[in-house]
Amino acid sequence: MRMTRIGGLVLFTLLWAASAFAWSFAVCGDSRDDKDGIFPQILSAVDNSDMEFLLHTGDMVNKDSPREWDTYRETTASFHKPLRVVIGNHELYGGGKPEKFAERFGLPGTSWSFTHKDAHFAIVDNAKGTFPDDTLAWLDRDLAAHPKGKGGITTLIVAMHIPPRTDGIHPHGTRFDYEERSAMLLAILKRHGVDAVVSGHEHMQHVEDWGGVLVLISGGAGAPLMPFQKYGYYRIDVENGKVRETFRRVRPAYKAR
């Protein structure tokens, strides 16, 4: 009987460890102007999967207007899992303010952070096309306060709307200093051992290694696509301090069959 109890305890511990350190979430962005029914399909796919939440990298609306936010609320009303959000440049159009966005979603600010299981997420507001000094300083402090090895954290992920400037990514609508500011960002990421940066803004799907940091663009949740790109989202698997991405294509609703 005693051996049975021990065996049961070992099995429970193994199952707990597996559930604690092997999990997944979804990333999508740019669901504005969704004329093909892409975003509702993403919400449904995530809701009916083992992915634990959806991280939206911004441009949920075309502009800050009651009508567009009503549409967004109606679209997401039946989504049962946590929906984490990043402010995009389109959330500022039509008179949108960062403070108003944060209030709408109950956030402490448009740069904010959270920890989920063994991963810490820092959300960076670069919706105005640059990385201001105070934003980079906030990110540095936040990552320093949540280092790997503290509180069970094994993985660090940074999310933003506009991807950084890299050898392979030249984001549009950025300020003159964006390349210099992106280099400053990279130094912070490398200093803290950040594993991945997830973003949107460019209406495409793209994955790149940026100085040892995974950079991912998921900008196909409904907005008009760049040529030769596909609608969809990424599934991100997190396990034992490693991050693995898998693209999930979504076809326009009228072509779903």
Protein backbone atom coordinates (compact mmCIF):
# COMPACT_ATOMS: atom_id res chain seq x y z
CA MET A 1 0.00 0.00 0.00
CA ARG A 2 2.83 2.35 0.92
CA MET A 3 4.57 1.72 -2.43
CA THR A 4 1.31 2.45 -4.21
CA ARG A 5 1.04 5.79 -2.44
CA ILE A 6 4.66 6.63 -3.32
CA GLY A 7 4.09 5.64 -6.94
CA GLY A 8 0.98 7.78 -7.07
CA LEU A 9 2.86 10.73 -5.61
CA VAL A 10 5.65 10.36 -8.17
CA LEU A 11 3.13 10.21 -11.00
CA PHE A 12 1.32 13.28 -9.68
CA THR A 13 4.62 15.17 -9.42
CA LEU A 14 5.55 14.27 -12.99
CA LEU A 15 2.16 15.32 -14.31
CA TRP A 16 2.33 18.58 -12.38
CA ALA A 17 5.80 19.32 -13.71
CA ALA A 18 4.68 18.65 -17.26
CA SER A 19 1.70 20.97 -16.92
CA ALA A 20 3.79 23.64 -15.20
CA PHE A 21 6.68 23.75 -17.65
CA ALA A 22 5.19 22.71 -20.99
CA TRP A 23 2.45 25.04 -22.12
CA SER A 24 1.50 27.28 -25.00
CA PHE A 25 -0.13 30.56 -25.95
CA ALA A 26 -1.13 32.29 -29.19
CA VAL A 27 0.03 35.52 -30.82
CA CYS A 28 -1.81 37.54 -33.44
CA GLY A 29 -1.95 41.15 -34.50
CA ASP A 30 -3.61 43.66 -36.81
CA SER A 31 -7.21 42.49 -36.73
CA ARG A 32 -8.55 45.88 -37.85
CA ASP A 33 -10.53 46.12 -41.09
CA ASP A 34 -11.21 42.39 -40.93
CA LYS A 35 -13.41 41.88 -43.99
CA ASP A 36 -12.61 38.17 -44.35
CA GLY A 37 -13.69 36.94 -40.92
CA ILE A 38 -10.15 36.06 -39.82
CA PHE A 39 -10.10 37.32 -36.23
CA PRO A 40 -13.24 35.43 -35.10
CA GLN A 41 -11.69 32.23 -36.45
CA ILE A 42 -8.49 32.88 -34.50
CA LEU A 43 -10.46 33.47 -31.32
CA SER A 44 -12.40 30.24 -31.84
CA ALA A 45 -9.27 28.22 -32.63
CA VAL A 46 -7.50 29.43 -29.49
CA ASP A 47 -10.60 28.97 -27.33
CA ASN A 48 -10.93 25.36 -28.47
CA SER A 49 -7.29 24.44 -27.96
CA ASP A 50 -4.83 23.87 -25.14
CA MET A 51 -3.32 27.34 -25.69
CA GLU A 52 -3.75 29.25 -22.44
CA PHE A 53 -4.26 32.81 -23.66
CA LEU A 54 -4.09 35.05 -26.72
CA LEU A 55 -1.60 37.90 -26.97
CA HIS A 56 -2.81 40.56 -29.43
CA THR A 57 0.03 42.77 -30.66
CA GLY A 58 -2.11 45.79 -31.50
CA ASP A 59 -4.20 47.52 -34.18
CA MET A 60 -7.44 46.05 -32.94
CA VAL A 61 -9.34 48.97 -34.46
CA ASN A 62 -8.72 51.22 -37.43
CA LYS A 63 -9.16 54.29 -35.23
CA ASP A 64 -10.30 55.17 -31.74
CA SER A 65 -14.06 55.48 -32.22
CA PRO A 66 -17.04 54.14 -30.21
CA ARG A 67 -18.33 52.22 -33.21
CA GLU A 68 -15.05 50.40 -33.81
CA TRP A 69 -14.58 49.54 -30.14
CA ASP A 70 -18.16 48.28 -30.00
CA THR A 71 -17.35 45.94 -32.90
CA TYR A 72 -14.20 44.75 -31.13
CA ARG A 73 -16.12 44.06 -27.92
CA GLU A 74 -18.82 42.16 -29.79
CA THR A 75 -16.21 40.07 -31.61
CA THR A 76 -14.34 39.12 -28.43
CA ALA A 77 -17.36 38.81 -26.10
CA SER A 78 -17.57 35.02 -26.35
CA PHE A 79 -13.82 34.43 -25.96
CA HIS A 80 -13.32 32.60 -22.67
CA LYS A 81 -9.56 32.78 -22.19
CA PRO A 82 -7.38 35.73 -21.15
CA LEU A 83 -6.78 38.23 -23.95
CA ARG A 84 -3.56 40.20 -23.38
CA VAL A 85 -3.20 43.39 -25.42
CA VAL A 86 -0.53 45.69 -26.85
CA ILE A 87 -1.29 49.23 -28.00
CA GLY A 88 -0.84 49.82 -31.72
CA ASN A 89 -0.51 52.99 -33.76
CA HIS A 90 -4.10 52.71 -35.01
CA GLU A 91 -5.37 52.83 -31.43
CA LEU A 92 -4.00 56.40 -31.41
CA TYR A 93 -5.77 57.48 -34.58
CA GLY A 94 -8.95 59.51 -34.27
CA GLY A 95 -7.82 61.15 -31.04
CA GLY A 96 -6.87 58.00 -29.15
CA LYS A 97 -4.68 58.46 -26.07
CA PRO A 98 -2.40 55.93 -24.35
CA GLU A 99 -4.08 56.69 -21.02
CA LYS A 100 -7.50 56.00 -22.53
CA PHE A 101 -6.31 52.68 -23.95
CA ALA A 102 -4.89 51.60 -20.59
CA GLU A 103 -8.12 52.54 -18.84
CA ARG A 104 -10.21 50.65 -21.40
CA PHE A 105 -8.38 47.40 -20.65
CA GLY A 106 -7.77 47.97 -16.94
CA LEU A 107 -4.00 48.24 -17.34
CA PRO A 108 -1.54 50.19 -15.17
CA GLY A 109 -0.16 51.78 -18.35
CA THR A 110 0.54 51.00 -21.98
CA SER A 111 3.92 49.56 -21.00
CA TRP A 112 3.12 46.84 -18.50
CA SER A 113 4.07 43.30 -17.59
CA PHE A 114 2.75 40.01 -16.28
CA THR A 115 4.06 36.57 -15.36
CA HIS A 116 2.42 33.37 -16.51
CA LYS A 117 3.75 30.11 -15.08
CA ASP A 118 7.50 30.14 -15.78
CA ALA A 119 7.48 33.01 -18.31
CA HIS A 120 7.60 36.75 -17.70
CA PHE A 121 6.14 39.06 -20.36
CA ALA A 122 7.07 42.73 -20.73
CA ILE A 123 4.70 44.72 -22.95
CA VAL A 124 6.38 47.75 -24.55
CA ASP A 125 4.51 50.75 -25.95
CA ASN A 126 6.26 51.81 -29.16
CA ALA A 127 3.06 52.78 -30.99
CA LYS A 128 4.44 56.23 -31.81
CA GLY A 129 7.27 54.74 -33.85
CA THR A 130 10.20 54.90 -31.47
CA PHE A 131 11.56 53.69 -28.12
CA PRO A 132 11.69 56.73 -25.82
CA ASP A 133 14.30 56.86 -23.05
CA ASP A 134 11.70 56.37 -20.33
CA THR A 135 10.25 53.31 -22.10
CA LEU A 136 13.66 51.67 -22.46
CA ALA A 137 14.46 52.51 -18.83
CA TRP A 138 11.16 50.96 -17.73
CA LEU A 139 11.89 47.79 -19.72
CA ASP A 140 15.38 47.52 -18.22
CA ARG A 141 13.98 47.86 -14.70
CA ASP A 142 11.15 45.42 -15.30
CA LEU A 143 13.42 42.72 -16.71
CA ALA A 144 15.91 43.28 -13.87
CA ALA A 145 13.09 42.77 -11.36
CA HIS A 146 12.07 39.49 -13.01
CA PRO A 147 15.32 37.70 -13.82
CA LYS A 148 15.56 34.11 -14.91
CA GLY A 149 15.91 31.86 -11.90
CA LYS A 150 13.83 34.07 -9.61
CA GLY A 151 10.31 32.98 -8.73
CA GLY A 152 10.53 30.04 -11.11
CA ILE A 153 11.02 32.22 -14.18
CA THR A 154 12.84 30.42 -17.01
CA THR A 155 11.66 32.44 -20.02
CA LEU A 156 11.52 36.14 -20.87
CA ILE A 157 9.32 37.44 -23.68
CA VAL A 158 8.90 41.05 -24.81
CA ALA A 159 5.89 42.16 -26.86
CA MET A 160 5.39 45.35 -28.85
CA HIS A 161 3.37 46.54 -31.80
CA ILE A 162 6.09 47.73 -34.18
CA PRO A 163 8.91 45.22 -34.65
CA PRO A 164 12.46 46.41 -34.03
CA ARG A 165 14.69 47.39 -36.91
CA THR A 166 16.86 44.38 -37.77
CA ASP A 167 18.85 43.21 -40.78
CA GLY A 168 15.70 41.63 -42.19
CA ILE A 169 12.98 43.94 -40.85
CA HIS A 170 12.52 47.55 -41.94
CA PRO A 171 9.24 48.59 -40.29
CA HIS A 172 7.22 51.41 -41.81
CA GLY A 173 6.01 54.54 -40.05
CA THR A 174 8.91 54.83 -37.63
CA ARG A 175 10.90 57.88 -36.57
CA PHE A 176 14.34 58.81 -37.83
CA ASP A 177 16.03 57.37 -34.73
CA TYR A 178 14.40 53.94 -34.90
CA GLU A 179 17.49 52.03 -36.02
CA GLU A 180 19.59 53.56 -33.23
CA ARG A 181 16.84 52.96 -30.68
CA SER A 182 16.43 49.37 -31.83
CA ALA A 183 20.14 48.79 -31.18
CA MET A 184 19.65 50.15 -27.66
CA LEU A 185 16.72 47.79 -27.24
CA LEU A 186 18.80 44.82 -28.38
CA ALA A 187 21.48 45.61 -25.79
CA ILE A 188 18.83 45.48 -23.05
CA LEU A 189 17.36 42.25 -24.37
CA LYS A 190 20.73 40.54 -24.51
CA ARG A 191 21.77 41.80 -21.08
CA HIS A 192 18.75 40.12 -19.51
CA GLY A 193 18.72 37.02 -21.69
CA VAL A 194 15.36 37.70 -23.35
CA ASP A 195 14.24 34.75 -25.43
CA ALA A 196 11.77 36.31 -27.86
CA VAL A 197 10.23 39.53 -29.13
CA VAL A 198 6.72 39.25 -30.60
CA SER A 199 5.13 42.02 -32.64
CA GLY A 200 2.74 42.93 -35.44
CA HIS A 201 2.34 46.17 -37.48
CA GLU A 202 3.80 44.75 -40.67
CA HIS A 203 0.94 42.81 -42.29
CA MET A 204 2.95 39.66 -42.70
CA GLN A 205 4.31 36.59 -40.94
CA HIS A 206 8.02 36.58 -40.23
CA VAL A 207 10.53 34.92 -37.91
CA GLU A 208 14.14 35.97 -37.53
CA ASP A 209 17.11 35.48 -35.22
CA TRP A 210 18.27 38.89 -34.02
CA GLY A 211 21.56 38.54 -32.19
CA GLY A 212 20.34 35.41 -30.42
CA VAL A 213 16.84 36.77 -29.76
CA LEU A 214 13.87 35.32 -31.65
CA VAL A 215 11.92 38.12 -33.37
CA LEU A 216 8.45 37.23 -34.59
CA ILE A 217 5.94 39.28 -36.58
CA SER A 218 2.33 38.12 -36.60
CA GLY A 219 0.38 40.77 -38.49
CA GLY A 220 -2.23 38.74 -40.31
CA ALA A 221 -5.34 38.71 -38.11
CA GLY A 222 -7.59 40.45 -40.63
CA ALA A 223 -5.98 43.65 -41.88
CA PRO A 224 -5.04 43.76 -45.60
CA LEU A 225 -1.97 41.60 -46.18
CA MET A 226 1.29 42.40 -47.87
CA PRO A 227 1.83 40.52 -51.16
CA PHE A 228 2.40 36.76 -50.91
CA GLN A 229 1.48 36.67 -47.22
CA LYS A 230 -1.07 34.51 -45.40
CA TYR A 231 -3.65 35.22 -42.73
CA GLY A 232 -3.12 33.45 -39.42
CA TYR A 233 -1.47 33.45 -36.03
CA TYR A 234 1.39 31.76 -34.18
CA ARG A 235 1.22 29.11 -31.54
CA ILE A 236 4.10 29.59 -29.10
CA ASP A 237 5.19 26.57 -27.06
CA VAL A 238 7.16 27.26 -23.89
CA GLU A 239 9.03 24.35 -22.31
CA ASN A 240 12.01 24.28 -19.96
CA GLY A 241 13.18 27.75 -20.91
CA LYS A 242 12.81 27.21 -24.65
CA VAL A 243 10.40 28.90 -27.05
CA ARG A 244 9.14 27.28 -30.23
CA GLU A 245 6.82 28.94 -32.76
CA THR A 246 4.38 27.30 -35.18
CA PHE A 247 2.41 29.26 -37.75
CA ARG A 248 -1.31 28.43 -37.99
CA ARG A 249 -2.90 29.56 -41.22
CA VAL A 250 -6.47 30.88 -41.27
CA ARG A 251 -8.36 31.12 -44.54
CA PRO A 252 -10.99 33.76 -45.34
CA ALA A 253 -14.36 32.67 -43.98
CA TYR A 254 -15.94 32.36 -47.42
CA LYS A 255 -13.10 29.99 -48.45
CA ALA A 256 -13.08 27.98 -45.21
CA ARG A 257 -14.59 24.93 -46.93
